[in-house]
Amino acid sequence: MRCPFCGNVDTQVKDSRPAEDHVAIRRRRFCPACGGRFTTYERVQLRDLVVIKSSGKREDFDRDKLERSIRIALQKRPVEPERVDQMISGIVRRLESMGETDIQSPVIGEIVMEALARIDTVAYVRFASVYKNFQAADDFEDFVSELRPPSQKDE
């Protein structure tokens, strides 16, 4: 593993332990050249996924991009970081186990929305506002009214 500080390719692992509910390995590394310390994570990747955007553009699936968008939706919400990590790992496993290497971006969006709806309604609405490209307050109102139980919709 290349040192992020000096570029030395000869770094040493000082400590390894399970992370993210045993779906990843966290490694503490040391660079003998500059003395730098850093952490890496190792995860199983079943297949290389390609995202097909609605424009038709193809790009490699980026777990970090998925994580960033979910963490933005969950910003300042009372959800434990471990639960978020488990949710992200679950989404990636689900995508990898679909059997396809090419995945349409709306499929990913729907899976993320399902997962967010189960853990935090506010984050679900935040993500949906970007994913569904809300343009006006009425868009929020219509979407939120669909979340309310039928007895509260008519009030």
Foldseek 3Di string as FASTA:
>chain_A
DADPPPRDPDKAWDDWDADLVNQKIKTWIADPVPGDIDIDIGGDQLDWAWEQEPVRDIDTDDLVVVLVLLCVLCPPPPDDPSLSSNLSVVLNVVVRPVPDRYDYPVVSLVSSLVSCVVPDPSSSLVSCCVVVVDDDVVVSVVVVLVVDDPVPNVD
